[in-house]
Amino acid sequence: MLLVPLGDLLPRRRLMLLQLAAPSAALIAVCLAAGAAMLMAPMLAVGMLGTAMTQGLIAYPASAADPARSAC
């Protein structure tokens, strides 16, 4: 809910790199978790960041495409 509106405020290429790096860091934190309690926060981050990234991945190519190649 908080990451998706950033597409209107930040350059989308930089935002996509951030959205790739953040879930990757969360996945590394999941791998390094020593116990169940330390596993919950990174797993929550992976789920929330992955959801926002999916929506961004759909919108970015549509906005970056040449208007002549638009299907509409």
N, C-alpha and C. Protein backbone atom coordinates (compact mmCIF):
# COMPACT_ATOMS: atom_id res chain seq x y z
N MET A 1 0.82 -1.18 0.00
CA MET A 1 0.00 0.00 0.00
C MET A 1 0.87 1.26 0.00
N LEU A 2 2.05 1.17 0.59
CA LEU A 2 2.90 2.35 0.65
C LEU A 2 3.93 2.39 -0.47
N LEU A 3 4.28 1.24 -1.05
CA LEU A 3 5.31 1.21 -2.08
C LEU A 3 4.78 1.53 -3.47
N VAL A 4 3.58 1.10 -3.78
CA VAL A 4 3.05 1.26 -5.13
C VAL A 4 2.92 2.73 -5.54
N PRO A 5 2.44 3.65 -4.69
CA PRO A 5 2.34 5.06 -5.09
C PRO A 5 3.69 5.73 -5.35
N LEU A 6 4.79 5.10 -4.91
CA LEU A 6 6.10 5.69 -5.17
C LEU A 6 6.42 5.75 -6.66
N GLY A 7 5.74 4.97 -7.47
CA GLY A 7 5.95 4.99 -8.91
C GLY A 7 5.62 6.35 -9.53
N ASP A 8 4.77 7.10 -8.88
CA ASP A 8 4.44 8.44 -9.36
C ASP A 8 5.42 9.49 -8.85
N LEU A 9 6.17 9.17 -7.80
CA LEU A 9 7.05 10.16 -7.18
C LEU A 9 8.53 9.98 -7.56
N LEU A 10 8.96 8.76 -7.81
CA LEU A 10 10.36 8.47 -8.08
C LEU A 10 10.54 8.01 -9.52
N PRO A 11 11.75 8.15 -10.06
CA PRO A 11 12.01 7.58 -11.38
C PRO A 11 11.80 6.06 -11.33
N ARG A 12 11.09 5.54 -12.30
CA ARG A 12 10.67 4.14 -12.23
C ARG A 12 11.83 3.16 -12.34
N ARG A 13 12.86 3.48 -13.09
CA ARG A 13 14.01 2.56 -13.17
C ARG A 13 14.66 2.40 -11.81
N ARG A 14 14.88 3.51 -11.12
CA ARG A 14 15.49 3.44 -9.80
C ARG A 14 14.58 2.73 -8.81
N LEU A 15 13.29 2.96 -8.93
CA LEU A 15 12.33 2.30 -8.06
C LEU A 15 12.33 0.79 -8.29
N MET A 16 12.42 0.37 -9.55
CA MET A 16 12.46 -1.06 -9.84
C MET A 16 13.72 -1.70 -9.28
N LEU A 17 14.84 -1.00 -9.35
CA LEU A 17 16.06 -1.54 -8.76
C LEU A 17 15.92 -1.66 -7.24
N LEU A 18 15.29 -0.68 -6.64
CA LEU A 18 15.05 -0.74 -5.20
C LEU A 18 14.11 -1.89 -4.86
N GLN A 19 13.10 -2.08 -5.69
CA GLN A 19 12.15 -3.15 -5.45
C GLN A 19 12.75 -4.53 -5.73
N LEU A 20 13.82 -4.60 -6.48
CA LEU A 20 14.54 -5.86 -6.64
C LEU A 20 15.49 -6.10 -5.48
N ALA A 21 16.13 -5.03 -5.01
CA ALA A 21 17.11 -5.16 -3.94
C ALA A 21 16.45 -5.45 -2.59
N ALA A 22 15.34 -4.83 -2.30
CA ALA A 22 14.70 -5.01 -0.99
C ALA A 22 14.22 -6.44 -0.77
N PRO A 23 13.49 -7.06 -1.71
CA PRO A 23 13.12 -8.47 -1.48
C PRO A 23 14.33 -9.40 -1.46
N SER A 24 15.35 -9.07 -2.23
CA SER A 24 16.56 -9.89 -2.21
C SER A 24 17.21 -9.84 -0.83
N ALA A 25 17.27 -8.66 -0.24
CA ALA A 25 17.83 -8.54 1.11
C ALA A 25 16.96 -9.28 2.11
N ALA A 26 15.64 -9.22 1.94
CA ALA A 26 14.75 -9.95 2.85
C ALA A 26 14.93 -11.46 2.70
N LEU A 27 15.14 -11.93 1.48
CA LEU A 27 15.38 -13.36 1.27
C LEU A 27 16.70 -13.80 1.89
N ILE A 28 17.71 -12.96 1.82
CA ILE A 28 18.97 -13.27 2.49
C ILE A 28 18.77 -13.33 3.99
N ALA A 29 17.96 -12.42 4.52
CA ALA A 29 17.67 -12.43 5.96
C ALA A 29 16.92 -13.71 6.35
N VAL A 30 16.04 -14.20 5.47
CA VAL A 30 15.35 -15.46 5.74
C VAL A 30 16.36 -16.60 5.81
N CYS A 31 17.31 -16.60 4.89
CA CYS A 31 18.33 -17.66 4.87
C CYS A 31 19.21 -17.63 6.10
N LEU A 32 19.46 -16.46 6.64
CA LEU A 32 20.36 -16.32 7.78
C LEU A 32 19.66 -16.39 9.13
N ALA A 33 18.34 -16.54 9.13
CA ALA A 33 17.60 -16.57 10.40
C ALA A 33 18.01 -17.78 11.22
N ALA A 34 18.26 -17.53 12.49
CA ALA A 34 18.74 -18.60 13.38
C ALA A 34 17.59 -19.36 14.04
N GLY A 35 16.45 -18.76 14.17
CA GLY A 35 15.34 -19.43 14.83
C GLY A 35 14.01 -18.98 14.27
N ALA A 36 12.95 -19.58 14.77
CA ALA A 36 11.62 -19.28 14.26
C ALA A 36 11.22 -17.83 14.52
N ALA A 37 11.58 -17.31 15.68
CA ALA A 37 11.23 -15.93 15.99
C ALA A 37 11.95 -14.95 15.07
N MET A 38 13.18 -15.24 14.73
CA MET A 38 13.95 -14.36 13.83
C MET A 38 13.54 -14.55 12.38
N LEU A 39 12.76 -15.57 12.09
CA LEU A 39 12.34 -15.86 10.72
C LEU A 39 11.08 -15.09 10.33
N MET A 40 10.26 -14.73 11.29
CA MET A 40 8.96 -14.15 10.98
C MET A 40 9.03 -12.77 10.31
N ALA A 41 9.85 -11.87 10.79
CA ALA A 41 9.93 -10.53 10.20
C ALA A 41 10.43 -10.56 8.76
N PRO A 42 11.52 -11.29 8.45
CA PRO A 42 11.94 -11.34 7.04
C PRO A 42 10.91 -12.01 6.13
N MET A 43 10.20 -13.00 6.66
CA MET A 43 9.16 -13.64 5.84
C MET A 43 8.02 -12.68 5.55
N LEU A 44 7.66 -11.87 6.52
CA LEU A 44 6.64 -10.84 6.30
C LEU A 44 7.12 -9.83 5.26
N ALA A 45 8.39 -9.44 5.36
CA ALA A 45 8.95 -8.49 4.39
C ALA A 45 8.95 -9.08 2.98
N VAL A 46 9.31 -10.35 2.85
CA VAL A 46 9.31 -11.00 1.53
C VAL A 46 7.91 -10.98 0.94
N GLY A 47 6.92 -11.32 1.73
CA GLY A 47 5.54 -11.33 1.24
C GLY A 47 5.05 -9.96 0.83
N MET A 48 5.29 -8.97 1.65
CA MET A 48 4.79 -7.63 1.35
C MET A 48 5.55 -6.98 0.20
N LEU A 49 6.87 -7.14 0.18
CA LEU A 49 7.65 -6.53 -0.90
C LEU A 49 7.42 -7.25 -2.23
N GLY A 50 7.21 -8.55 -2.17
CA GLY A 50 6.95 -9.31 -3.39
C GLY A 50 5.63 -8.92 -4.03
N THR A 51 4.64 -8.64 -3.21
CA THR A 51 3.33 -8.22 -3.73
C THR A 51 3.43 -6.86 -4.42
N ALA A 52 4.13 -5.93 -3.79
CA ALA A 52 4.27 -4.60 -4.38
C ALA A 52 5.12 -4.65 -5.64
N MET A 53 6.11 -5.52 -5.66
CA MET A 53 6.98 -5.61 -6.84
C MET A 53 6.21 -6.16 -8.04
N THR A 54 5.33 -7.11 -7.81
CA THR A 54 4.53 -7.66 -8.90
C THR A 54 3.70 -6.57 -9.57
N GLN A 55 3.08 -5.72 -8.78
CA GLN A 55 2.29 -4.63 -9.35
C GLN A 55 3.16 -3.64 -10.09
N GLY A 56 4.35 -3.39 -9.60
CA GLY A 56 5.27 -2.48 -10.27
C GLY A 56 5.80 -3.05 -11.56
N LEU A 57 6.06 -4.37 -11.58
CA LEU A 57 6.55 -5.01 -12.79
C LEU A 57 5.52 -4.97 -13.92
N ILE A 58 4.27 -4.98 -13.56
CA ILE A 58 3.22 -4.90 -14.58
C ILE A 58 3.11 -3.48 -15.12
N ALA A 59 3.22 -2.49 -14.26
CA ALA A 59 3.02 -1.10 -14.67
C ALA A 59 4.23 -0.52 -15.39
N TYR A 60 5.45 -0.92 -15.02
CA TYR A 60 6.64 -0.31 -15.59
C TYR A 60 6.77 -0.53 -17.10
N PRO A 61 6.67 -1.75 -17.61
CA PRO A 61 6.79 -1.91 -19.07
C PRO A 61 5.69 -1.17 -19.84
N ALA A 62 4.51 -1.10 -19.26
CA ALA A 62 3.42 -0.38 -19.93
C ALA A 62 3.73 1.10 -20.05
N SER A 63 4.37 1.66 -19.04
CA SER A 63 4.69 3.09 -19.11
C SER A 63 5.95 3.36 -19.93
N ALA A 64 6.84 2.38 -20.02
CA ALA A 64 8.09 2.56 -20.75
C ALA A 64 7.94 2.25 -22.24
N ALA A 65 6.87 1.61 -22.64
CA ALA A 65 6.67 1.23 -24.03
C ALA A 65 6.43 2.45 -24.90
N ASP A 66 6.81 2.32 -26.14
CA ASP A 66 6.58 3.36 -27.14
C ASP A 66 5.06 3.47 -27.38
N PRO A 67 4.51 4.68 -27.38
CA PRO A 67 3.06 4.81 -27.58
C PRO A 67 2.58 4.19 -28.91
N ALA A 68 3.44 4.14 -29.91
CA ALA A 68 3.03 3.53 -31.20
C ALA A 68 2.85 2.03 -31.07
N ARG A 69 3.50 1.42 -30.09
CA ARG A 69 3.39 -0.03 -29.91
C ARG A 69 2.30 -0.41 -28.92
N SER A 70 1.55 0.56 -28.46
CA SER A 70 0.49 0.31 -27.49
C SER A 70 -0.63 -0.52 -28.13
N ALA A 71 -1.21 -1.41 -27.35
CA ALA A 71 -2.28 -2.26 -27.85
C ALA A 71 -3.61 -1.50 -27.90
N CYS A 72 -3.72 -0.42 -27.16
CA CYS A 72 -4.99 0.32 -27.09
C CYS A 72 -5.11 1.30 -28.20
